[in-house]
Amino acid sequence: MHKRNSGGCRTKIRELLKLGTELYTAIRAGLRRKGPWAMSRKLATHTGLTKKCMQDRGLVSVKELWVKIHYPATAR
């Protein structure tokens, strides 16, 4: 039995459009038969998942954490 990929082309396109990707780019990316790992490296995903989008979802920047640890405000 084959494991079915969650979501189809329409789902990928719809979700990319929700993230703010342009229609043409979302369609081209959505029609590819690639999984989430390959999709994570595509332009459509990067244009939709901006830094602001990540912050709105509550994700913390690893870079900001590293700067806080290595360059604390009290040392300045």
N, C-alpha and C. Protein backbone atom coordinates (compact mmCIF):
# COMPACT_ATOMS: atom_id res chain seq x y z
N MET A 1 0.84 -1.17 0.00
CA MET A 1 0.00 0.00 0.00
C MET A 1 0.89 1.24 0.00
N HIS A 2 0.57 2.17 -0.86
CA HIS A 2 1.34 3.40 -0.97
C HIS A 2 0.81 4.45 -0.01
N LYS A 3 1.73 5.21 0.54
CA LYS A 3 1.34 6.32 1.41
C LYS A 3 0.89 7.48 0.53
N ARG A 4 -0.30 7.96 0.75
CA ARG A 4 -0.83 9.05 -0.06
C ARG A 4 -0.32 10.39 0.45
N ASN A 5 0.08 11.23 -0.45
CA ASN A 5 0.55 12.56 -0.10
C ASN A 5 -0.63 13.40 0.38
N SER A 6 -0.49 14.01 1.53
CA SER A 6 -1.60 14.80 2.07
C SER A 6 -1.80 16.06 1.23
N GLY A 7 -3.01 16.26 0.77
CA GLY A 7 -3.33 17.43 -0.03
C GLY A 7 -2.98 17.23 -1.49
N GLY A 8 -3.76 17.83 -2.34
CA GLY A 8 -3.51 17.73 -3.76
C GLY A 8 -3.01 19.04 -4.31
N CYS A 9 -3.06 19.16 -5.62
CA CYS A 9 -2.59 20.38 -6.28
C CYS A 9 -3.41 21.59 -5.85
N ARG A 10 -4.71 21.42 -5.80
CA ARG A 10 -5.57 22.56 -5.44
C ARG A 10 -5.29 23.03 -4.02
N THR A 11 -5.05 22.09 -3.12
CA THR A 11 -4.77 22.45 -1.73
C THR A 11 -3.46 23.24 -1.65
N LYS A 12 -2.42 22.76 -2.34
CA LYS A 12 -1.14 23.46 -2.32
C LYS A 12 -1.30 24.87 -2.86
N ILE A 13 -1.99 24.99 -3.99
CA ILE A 13 -2.17 26.31 -4.61
C ILE A 13 -2.95 27.23 -3.68
N ARG A 14 -4.02 26.73 -3.09
CA ARG A 14 -4.85 27.54 -2.19
C ARG A 14 -4.04 28.02 -0.99
N GLU A 15 -3.26 27.12 -0.40
CA GLU A 15 -2.47 27.50 0.78
C GLU A 15 -1.37 28.49 0.42
N LEU A 16 -0.74 28.33 -0.73
CA LEU A 16 0.27 29.29 -1.16
C LEU A 16 -0.34 30.66 -1.42
N LEU A 17 -1.53 30.69 -1.99
CA LEU A 17 -2.21 31.97 -2.21
C LEU A 17 -2.57 32.64 -0.89
N LYS A 18 -2.96 31.85 0.11
CA LYS A 18 -3.25 32.42 1.43
C LYS A 18 -2.02 33.08 2.03
N LEU A 19 -0.84 32.52 1.73
CA LEU A 19 0.40 33.07 2.27
C LEU A 19 0.85 34.33 1.53
N GLY A 20 0.21 34.63 0.40
CA GLY A 20 0.56 35.84 -0.33
C GLY A 20 1.42 35.62 -1.56
N THR A 21 1.57 34.38 -1.99
CA THR A 21 2.33 34.09 -3.20
C THR A 21 1.51 34.51 -4.42
N GLU A 22 2.18 34.99 -5.45
CA GLU A 22 1.48 35.39 -6.67
C GLU A 22 0.82 34.17 -7.31
N LEU A 23 -0.27 34.40 -8.03
CA LEU A 23 -1.08 33.32 -8.61
C LEU A 23 -0.26 32.42 -9.53
N TYR A 24 0.48 33.01 -10.47
CA TYR A 24 1.25 32.21 -11.42
C TYR A 24 2.29 31.35 -10.71
N THR A 25 2.98 31.93 -9.74
CA THR A 25 4.00 31.19 -8.99
C THR A 25 3.37 30.08 -8.17
N ALA A 26 2.22 30.36 -7.56
CA ALA A 26 1.53 29.35 -6.76
C ALA A 26 1.06 28.18 -7.62
N ILE A 27 0.56 28.48 -8.81
CA ILE A 27 0.10 27.42 -9.71
C ILE A 27 1.28 26.56 -10.16
N ARG A 28 2.37 27.19 -10.54
CA ARG A 28 3.55 26.41 -10.98
C ARG A 28 4.07 25.52 -9.86
N ALA A 29 4.11 26.04 -8.65
CA ALA A 29 4.60 25.24 -7.52
C ALA A 29 3.60 24.16 -7.13
N GLY A 30 2.32 24.48 -7.19
CA GLY A 30 1.29 23.53 -6.80
C GLY A 30 1.17 22.35 -7.73
N LEU A 31 1.47 22.55 -9.00
CA LEU A 31 1.36 21.46 -9.97
C LEU A 31 2.54 20.51 -9.94
N ARG A 32 3.60 20.88 -9.26
CA ARG A 32 4.74 19.97 -9.12
C ARG A 32 4.35 18.82 -8.21
N ARG A 33 4.85 17.65 -8.50
CA ARG A 33 4.50 16.47 -7.72
C ARG A 33 5.57 16.22 -6.65
N LYS A 34 5.90 17.24 -5.93
CA LYS A 34 6.92 17.14 -4.89
C LYS A 34 6.27 17.20 -3.52
N GLY A 35 6.94 16.64 -2.55
CA GLY A 35 6.43 16.64 -1.19
C GLY A 35 6.83 17.89 -0.44
N PRO A 36 6.51 17.93 0.85
CA PRO A 36 6.78 19.13 1.65
C PRO A 36 8.26 19.47 1.76
N TRP A 37 9.14 18.46 1.80
CA TRP A 37 10.57 18.73 1.94
C TRP A 37 11.10 19.47 0.70
N ALA A 38 10.72 19.02 -0.47
CA ALA A 38 11.16 19.68 -1.70
C ALA A 38 10.49 21.04 -1.85
N MET A 39 9.24 21.15 -1.43
CA MET A 39 8.51 22.42 -1.54
C MET A 39 9.10 23.49 -0.64
N SER A 40 9.75 23.08 0.45
CA SER A 40 10.29 24.06 1.40
C SER A 40 11.43 24.87 0.80
N ARG A 41 12.04 24.37 -0.26
CA ARG A 41 13.16 25.07 -0.88
C ARG A 41 12.76 25.87 -2.12
N LYS A 42 11.49 25.99 -2.40
CA LYS A 42 11.02 26.65 -3.62
C LYS A 42 10.72 28.13 -3.39
N LEU A 43 10.80 28.90 -4.46
CA LEU A 43 10.56 30.34 -4.40
C LEU A 43 9.16 30.66 -3.90
N ALA A 44 8.18 29.88 -4.32
CA ALA A 44 6.79 30.16 -3.92
C ALA A 44 6.64 30.09 -2.41
N THR A 45 7.29 29.13 -1.79
CA THR A 45 7.21 29.00 -0.34
C THR A 45 7.93 30.14 0.35
N HIS A 46 9.07 30.53 -0.18
CA HIS A 46 9.84 31.61 0.44
C HIS A 46 9.16 32.97 0.29
N THR A 47 8.46 33.18 -0.80
CA THR A 47 7.78 34.47 -0.96
C THR A 47 6.55 34.55 -0.07
N GLY A 48 5.95 33.41 0.23
CA GLY A 48 4.76 33.40 1.09
C GLY A 48 5.10 33.41 2.57
N LEU A 49 6.14 32.68 2.94
CA LEU A 49 6.51 32.58 4.35
C LEU A 49 7.59 33.61 4.67
N THR A 50 7.18 34.83 4.88
CA THR A 50 8.12 35.90 5.19
C THR A 50 8.44 35.91 6.68
N LYS A 51 9.40 36.74 7.06
CA LYS A 51 9.78 36.86 8.46
C LYS A 51 8.60 37.34 9.31
N LYS A 52 7.83 38.29 8.77
CA LYS A 52 6.67 38.80 9.49
C LYS A 52 5.63 37.71 9.69
N CYS A 53 5.42 36.90 8.68
CA CYS A 53 4.46 35.79 8.77
C CYS A 53 4.88 34.82 9.88
N MET A 54 6.16 34.53 9.96
CA MET A 54 6.66 33.62 10.99
C MET A 54 6.47 34.22 12.39
N GLN A 55 6.74 35.52 12.54
CA GLN A 55 6.57 36.18 13.83
C GLN A 55 5.10 36.21 14.23
N ASP A 56 4.21 36.42 13.27
CA ASP A 56 2.77 36.43 13.56
C ASP A 56 2.29 35.07 14.06
N ARG A 57 2.96 34.00 13.63
CA ARG A 57 2.59 32.65 14.06
C ARG A 57 3.23 32.28 15.40
N GLY A 58 4.03 33.17 15.95
CA GLY A 58 4.62 32.93 17.26
C GLY A 58 5.96 32.23 17.24
N LEU A 59 6.58 32.11 16.07
CA LEU A 59 7.88 31.46 15.99
C LEU A 59 8.97 32.45 16.37
N VAL A 60 9.99 31.96 17.03
CA VAL A 60 11.08 32.79 17.53
C VAL A 60 12.26 32.66 16.58
N SER A 61 12.92 33.76 16.30
CA SER A 61 14.08 33.76 15.42
C SER A 61 15.28 33.18 16.15
N VAL A 62 15.92 32.19 15.54
CA VAL A 62 17.12 31.59 16.14
C VAL A 62 18.24 32.62 16.17
N LYS A 63 18.32 33.46 15.15
CA LYS A 63 19.34 34.50 15.10
C LYS A 63 19.19 35.48 16.27
N GLU A 64 17.94 35.90 16.53
CA GLU A 64 17.70 36.83 17.64
C GLU A 64 18.05 36.20 18.98
N LEU A 65 17.73 34.92 19.16
CA LEU A 65 18.10 34.23 20.39
C LEU A 65 19.61 34.16 20.55
N TRP A 66 20.31 33.87 19.47
CA TRP A 66 21.76 33.77 19.52
C TRP A 66 22.38 35.11 19.90
N VAL A 67 21.87 36.19 19.32
CA VAL A 67 22.39 37.53 19.63
C VAL A 67 22.14 37.87 21.09
N LYS A 68 20.95 37.52 21.62
CA LYS A 68 20.65 37.80 23.03
C LYS A 68 21.58 37.05 23.97
N ILE A 69 21.92 35.83 23.61
CA ILE A 69 22.80 35.02 24.46
C ILE A 69 24.24 35.52 24.41
N HIS A 70 24.74 35.79 23.21
CA HIS A 70 26.15 36.14 23.05
C HIS A 70 26.44 37.63 23.22
N TYR A 71 25.44 38.46 23.06
CA TYR A 71 25.62 39.90 23.22
C TYR A 71 24.51 40.45 24.11
N PRO A 72 24.54 40.15 25.39
CA PRO A 72 23.46 40.63 26.27
C PRO A 72 23.49 42.16 26.37
N ALA A 73 22.34 42.73 26.65
CA ALA A 73 22.20 44.19 26.72
C ALA A 73 23.03 44.78 27.85
N THR A 74 23.28 44.03 28.92
CA THR A 74 24.05 44.54 30.05
C THR A 74 25.53 44.67 29.73
N ALA A 75 26.01 43.95 28.73
CA ALA A 75 27.43 44.00 28.38
C ALA A 75 27.77 45.20 27.52
N ARG A 76 26.79 45.89 27.02
CA ARG A 76 27.06 47.03 26.12
C ARG A 76 27.40 48.26 26.85
